[in-house]
Amino acid sequence: MLVIETTITHGTLRSLVAAGTALGAEVVGAVDGWTVVIHHGRVSQTLTAQRGEPRSFRKFETVVAYLKTLGITELRVKTAGFVPADAGRKPGDKRGELASERMKRAHEAAAHDKWFREQVEQALAEADAPDAEPSIPHAEVKKRMAARRAELLTRMGRDR
């Protein structure tokens, strides 16, 4: 009895292309993305992800680029089942805007982090320079800290 798999993995698809097998590719619209069905001979197989479920591509451009890198340059497209990601959103739903705001904040944070690190490096370089003089002499710092410590101990009700 011949058992025909209804799914195909990336590795198997790559091997079929490398072997020169005549293949047909069909990009099928789905809810929130696109799936791929490979036809060879009388067999039709859905491309799967690593965990066995059908591989889904959010953007049409991504699936086309994927197939092209494999060497599959001709395909058929079925759009009947395609539902754009934002089609189910209610008016006023700002999820897309929120994502762009998060990205904007992430870029701002990265820029601030870069600036801060540059400032620290500059300050360390200035402090390590051979001709750098401390802004407050060490003896003065020790004298101030001793006075501060004595003041805090007195506030706590203790003598040294």
C-alpha atoms as a PDB file:
ATOM      1  CA  MET A   1       0.000   0.000   0.000  1.00  0.00           C
ATOM      2  CA  LEU A   2       1.405   3.378  -1.028  1.00  0.00           C
ATOM      3  CA  VAL A   3       1.274   6.062   1.684  1.00  0.00           C
ATOM      4  CA  ILE A   4       1.505   9.609   0.431  1.00  0.00           C
ATOM      5  CA  GLU A   5       2.474  12.300   2.913  1.00  0.00           C
ATOM      6  CA  THR A   6       0.234  15.360   2.806  1.00  0.00           C
ATOM      7  CA  THR A   7       3.016  17.578   4.133  1.00  0.00           C
ATOM      8  CA  ILE A   8       6.536  18.386   3.013  1.00  0.00           C
ATOM      9  CA  THR A   9       9.430  19.827   4.987  1.00  0.00           C
ATOM     10  CA  HIS A  10      11.888  22.468   3.861  1.00  0.00           C
ATOM     11  CA  GLY A  11      14.668  19.876   3.648  1.00  0.00           C
ATOM     12  CA  THR A  12      12.649  17.539   1.445  1.00  0.00           C
ATOM     13  CA  LEU A  13      11.552  20.402  -0.791  1.00  0.00           C
ATOM     14  CA  ARG A  14      15.154  21.567  -1.147  1.00  0.00           C
ATOM     15  CA  SER A  15      16.211  18.019  -2.068  1.00  0.00           C
ATOM     16  CA  LEU A  16      13.473  17.742  -4.701  1.00  0.00           C
ATOM     17  CA  VAL A  17      14.521  21.049  -6.269  1.00  0.00           C
ATOM     18  CA  ALA A  18      18.196  20.006  -6.220  1.00  0.00           C
ATOM     19  CA  ALA A  19      17.302  16.715  -7.919  1.00  0.00           C
ATOM     20  CA  GLY A  20      15.583  18.604 -10.727  1.00  0.00           C
ATOM     21  CA  THR A  21      12.125  17.252  -9.948  1.00  0.00           C
ATOM     22  CA  ALA A  22       9.382  19.012 -11.869  1.00  0.00           C
ATOM     23  CA  LEU A  23       7.496  20.950  -9.215  1.00  0.00           C
ATOM     24  CA  GLY A  24       4.552  23.267  -9.136  1.00  0.00           C
ATOM     25  CA  ALA A  25       4.148  25.753  -6.313  1.00  0.00           C
ATOM     26  CA  GLU A  26       0.887  27.233  -5.171  1.00  0.00           C
ATOM     27  CA  VAL A  27       0.697  30.080  -2.687  1.00  0.00           C
ATOM     28  CA  VAL A  28      -2.613  29.887  -0.857  1.00  0.00           C
ATOM     29  CA  GLY A  29      -4.127  32.800   1.038  1.00  0.00           C
ATOM     30  CA  ALA A  30      -5.152  32.067   4.610  1.00  0.00           C
ATOM     31  CA  VAL A  31      -6.229  34.028   7.653  1.00  0.00           C
ATOM     32  CA  ASP A  32      -3.376  36.376   8.528  1.00  0.00           C
ATOM     33  CA  GLY A  33      -0.940  35.064   5.927  1.00  0.00           C
ATOM     34  CA  TRP A  34       0.035  32.660   3.183  1.00  0.00           C
ATOM     35  CA  THR A  35       0.785  28.935   2.995  1.00  0.00           C
ATOM     36  CA  VAL A  36       2.577  26.952   0.284  1.00  0.00           C
ATOM     37  CA  VAL A  37       1.379  23.804  -1.464  1.00  0.00           C
ATOM     38  CA  ILE A  38       3.897  21.905  -3.573  1.00  0.00           C
ATOM     39  CA  HIS A  39       2.704  19.752  -6.473  1.00  0.00           C
ATOM     40  CA  HIS A  40       4.872  17.026  -7.990  1.00  0.00           C
ATOM     41  CA  GLY A  41       3.363  14.290 -10.086  1.00  0.00           C
ATOM     42  CA  ARG A  42      -0.050  13.497  -8.627  1.00  0.00           C
ATOM     43  CA  VAL A  43       1.031  14.495  -5.136  1.00  0.00           C
ATOM     44  CA  SER A  44       0.145  17.768  -3.418  1.00  0.00           C
ATOM     45  CA  GLN A  45       1.906  18.552  -0.157  1.00  0.00           C
ATOM     46  CA  THR A  46       1.650  21.478   2.230  1.00  0.00           C
ATOM     47  CA  LEU A  47       4.947  22.998   3.355  1.00  0.00           C
ATOM     48  CA  THR A  48       5.353  22.558   7.103  1.00  0.00           C
ATOM     49  CA  ALA A  49       7.290  24.335   9.806  1.00  0.00           C
ATOM     50  CA  GLN A  50       9.680  22.458  12.106  1.00  0.00           C
ATOM     51  CA  ARG A  51       6.926  21.384  14.487  1.00  0.00           C
ATOM     52  CA  GLY A  52       4.760  19.882  11.750  1.00  0.00           C
ATOM     53  CA  GLU A  53       2.060  22.527  11.399  1.00  0.00           C
ATOM     54  CA  PRO A  54       1.665  24.293   8.044  1.00  0.00           C
ATOM     55  CA  ARG A  55       4.274  26.992   7.580  1.00  0.00           C
ATOM     56  CA  SER A  56       2.645  30.396   7.406  1.00  0.00           C
ATOM     57  CA  PHE A  57       4.138  33.549   5.923  1.00  0.00           C
ATOM     58  CA  ARG A  58       2.718  36.883   7.046  1.00  0.00           C
ATOM     59  CA  LYS A  59       3.811  38.773   3.937  1.00  0.00           C
ATOM     60  CA  PHE A  60       3.408  37.711   0.323  1.00  0.00           C
ATOM     61  CA  GLU A  61       6.838  39.167  -0.494  1.00  0.00           C
ATOM     62  CA  THR A  62       8.420  36.877   2.089  1.00  0.00           C
ATOM     63  CA  VAL A  63       6.936  33.700   0.648  1.00  0.00           C
ATOM     64  CA  VAL A  64       7.928  34.714  -2.882  1.00  0.00           C
ATOM     65  CA  ALA A  65      11.502  35.453  -1.756  1.00  0.00           C
ATOM     66  CA  TYR A  66      11.630  32.101   0.080  1.00  0.00           C
ATOM     67  CA  LEU A  67      10.529  30.157  -2.992  1.00  0.00           C
ATOM     68  CA  LYS A  68      12.899  32.106  -5.223  1.00  0.00           C
ATOM     69  CA  THR A  69      15.897  31.256  -3.015  1.00  0.00           C
ATOM     70  CA  LEU A  70      14.987  27.597  -3.437  1.00  0.00           C
ATOM     71  CA  GLY A  71      14.922  28.027  -7.202  1.00  0.00           C
ATOM     72  CA  ILE A  72      11.148  27.991  -7.603  1.00  0.00           C
ATOM     73  CA  THR A  73      10.344  30.997  -9.755  1.00  0.00           C
ATOM     74  CA  GLU A  74       6.927  30.105 -11.136  1.00  0.00           C
ATOM     75  CA  LEU A  75       3.925  29.794  -8.903  1.00  0.00           C
ATOM     76  CA  ARG A  76       0.164  29.965  -8.806  1.00  0.00           C
ATOM     77  CA  VAL A  77      -1.653  32.170  -6.289  1.00  0.00           C
ATOM     78  CA  LYS A  78      -5.037  31.496  -4.668  1.00  0.00           C
ATOM     79  CA  THR A  79      -6.372  34.520  -2.823  1.00  0.00           C
ATOM     80  CA  ALA A  80      -9.883  33.299  -1.948  1.00  0.00           C
ATOM     81  CA  GLY A  81      -9.045  32.445   1.680  1.00  0.00           C
ATOM     82  CA  PHE A  82      -6.751  35.388   2.302  1.00  0.00           C
ATOM     83  CA  VAL A  83      -7.762  37.668   5.162  1.00  0.00           C
ATOM     84  CA  PRO A  84      -5.348  40.531   5.888  1.00  0.00           C
ATOM     85  CA  ALA A  85      -3.955  40.735   9.405  1.00  0.00           C
ATOM     86  CA  ASP A  86      -5.760  44.000  10.109  1.00  0.00           C
ATOM     87  CA  ALA A  87      -9.106  42.982   8.532  1.00  0.00           C
ATOM     88  CA  GLY A  88     -10.563  41.781  11.834  1.00  0.00           C
ATOM     89  CA  ARG A  89      -9.583  44.864  13.773  1.00  0.00           C
ATOM     90  CA  LYS A  90     -12.260  47.127  15.055  1.00  0.00           C
ATOM     91  CA  PRO A  91     -12.248  50.823  14.207  1.00  0.00           C
ATOM     92  CA  GLY A  92      -9.956  52.608  16.616  1.00  0.00           C
ATOM     93  CA  ASP A  93      -7.827  49.501  17.285  1.00  0.00           C
ATOM     94  CA  LYS A  94      -4.333  50.873  17.664  1.00  0.00           C
ATOM     95  CA  ARG A  95      -2.264  47.688  17.907  1.00  0.00           C
ATOM     96  CA  GLY A  96      -0.241  48.581  14.808  1.00  0.00           C
ATOM     97  CA  GLU A  97       0.383  52.059  16.123  1.00  0.00           C
ATOM     98  CA  LEU A  98       1.383  50.685  19.507  1.00  0.00           C
ATOM     99  CA  ALA A  99       3.945  48.391  17.879  1.00  0.00           C
ATOM    100  CA  SER A 100       5.452  51.295  15.958  1.00  0.00           C
ATOM    101  CA  GLU A 101       5.585  53.347  19.160  1.00  0.00           C
ATOM    102  CA  ARG A 102       7.382  50.488  20.943  1.00  0.00           C
ATOM    103  CA  MET A 103       9.914  50.320  18.121  1.00  0.00           C
ATOM    104  CA  LYS A 104      10.380  54.089  18.237  1.00  0.00           C
ATOM    105  CA  ARG A 105      11.028  53.967  21.995  1.00  0.00           C
ATOM    106  CA  ALA A 106      13.436  51.045  21.536  1.00  0.00           C
ATOM    107  CA  HIS A 107      15.426  53.031  18.954  1.00  0.00           C
ATOM    108  CA  GLU A 108      15.444  56.088  21.204  1.00  0.00           C
ATOM    109  CA  ALA A 109      16.654  53.972  24.124  1.00  0.00           C
ATOM    110  CA  ALA A 110      19.413  52.467  21.988  1.00  0.00           C
ATOM    111  CA  ALA A 111      20.506  55.942  20.869  1.00  0.00           C
ATOM    112  CA  HIS A 112      20.526  57.190  24.468  1.00  0.00           C
ATOM    113  CA  ASP A 113      22.504  54.143  25.592  1.00  0.00           C
ATOM    114  CA  LYS A 114      25.091  54.793  22.859  1.00  0.00           C
ATOM    115  CA  TRP A 115      25.350  58.455  23.850  1.00  0.00           C
ATOM    116  CA  PHE A 116      25.671  57.585  27.555  1.00  0.00           C
ATOM    117  CA  ARG A 117      28.418  55.018  26.911  1.00  0.00           C
ATOM    118  CA  GLU A 118      30.329  57.577  24.820  1.00  0.00           C
ATOM    119  CA  GLN A 119      30.060  60.098  27.663  1.00  0.00           C
ATOM    120  CA  VAL A 120      31.367  57.557  30.187  1.00  0.00           C
ATOM    121  CA  GLU A 121      34.268  56.606  27.902  1.00  0.00           C
ATOM    122  CA  GLN A 122      35.143  60.283  27.424  1.00  0.00           C
ATOM    123  CA  ALA A 123      35.028  60.962  31.188  1.00  0.00           C
ATOM    124  CA  LEU A 124      37.208  57.927  31.924  1.00  0.00           C
ATOM    125  CA  ALA A 125      39.709  58.969  29.261  1.00  0.00           C
ATOM    126  CA  GLU A 126      39.900  62.465  30.742  1.00  0.00           C
ATOM    127  CA  ALA A 127      40.304  61.090  34.270  1.00  0.00           C
ATOM    128  CA  ASP A 128      43.048  58.671  33.164  1.00  0.00           C
ATOM    129  CA  ALA A 129      44.992  61.329  31.269  1.00  0.00           C
ATOM    130  CA  PRO A 130      48.506  61.796  32.691  1.00  0.00           C
ATOM    131  CA  ASP A 131      48.008  65.535  33.146  1.00  0.00           C
ATOM    132  CA  ALA A 132      44.596  65.200  34.850  1.00  0.00           C
ATOM    133  CA  GLU A 133      44.319  66.698  38.306  1.00  0.00           C
ATOM    134  CA  PRO A 134      41.660  65.585  40.759  1.00  0.00           C
ATOM    135  CA  SER A 135      38.986  68.209  41.190  1.00  0.00           C
ATOM    136  CA  ILE A 136      39.108  67.633  44.963  1.00  0.00           C
ATOM    137  CA  PRO A 137      42.380  66.506  46.572  1.00  0.00           C
ATOM    138  CA  HIS A 138      42.264  63.098  48.268  1.00  0.00           C
ATOM    139  CA  ALA A 139      43.058  64.540  51.710  1.00  0.00           C
ATOM    140  CA  GLU A 140      40.097  66.932  51.419  1.00  0.00           C
ATOM    141  CA  VAL A 141      37.754  64.066  50.459  1.00  0.00           C
ATOM    142  CA  LYS A 142      38.917  62.033  53.476  1.00  0.00           C
ATOM    143  CA  LYS A 143      38.385  65.022  55.792  1.00  0.00           C
ATOM    144  CA  ARG A 144      34.840  65.634  54.450  1.00  0.00           C
ATOM    145  CA  MET A 145      33.868  61.959  54.714  1.00  0.00           C
ATOM    146  CA  ALA A 146      35.131  61.760  58.306  1.00  0.00           C
ATOM    147  CA  ALA A 147      33.018  64.816  59.204  1.00  0.00           C
ATOM    148  CA  ARG A 148      29.982  63.327  57.449  1.00  0.00           C
ATOM    149  CA  ARG A 149      30.431  60.008  59.252  1.00  0.00           C
ATOM    150  CA  ALA A 150      30.722  61.749  62.620  1.00  0.00           C
ATOM    151  CA  GLU A 151      27.565  63.762  61.885  1.00  0.00           C
ATOM    152  CA  LEU A 152      25.605  60.625  60.954  1.00  0.00           C
ATOM    153  CA  LEU A 153      26.771  58.768  64.069  1.00  0.00           C
ATOM    154  CA  THR A 154      25.738  61.727  66.233  1.00  0.00           C
ATOM    155  CA  ARG A 155      22.273  61.750  64.608  1.00  0.00           C
ATOM    156  CA  MET A 156      21.927  58.084  65.373  1.00  0.00           C
ATOM    157  CA  GLY A 157      22.721  58.833  69.016  1.00  0.00           C
ATOM    158  CA  ARG A 158      26.054  57.098  69.121  1.00  0.00           C
ATOM    159  CA  ASP A 159      29.567  58.162  69.688  1.00  0.00           C
ATOM    160  CA  ARG A 160      32.328  56.750  67.655  1.00  0.00           C
END
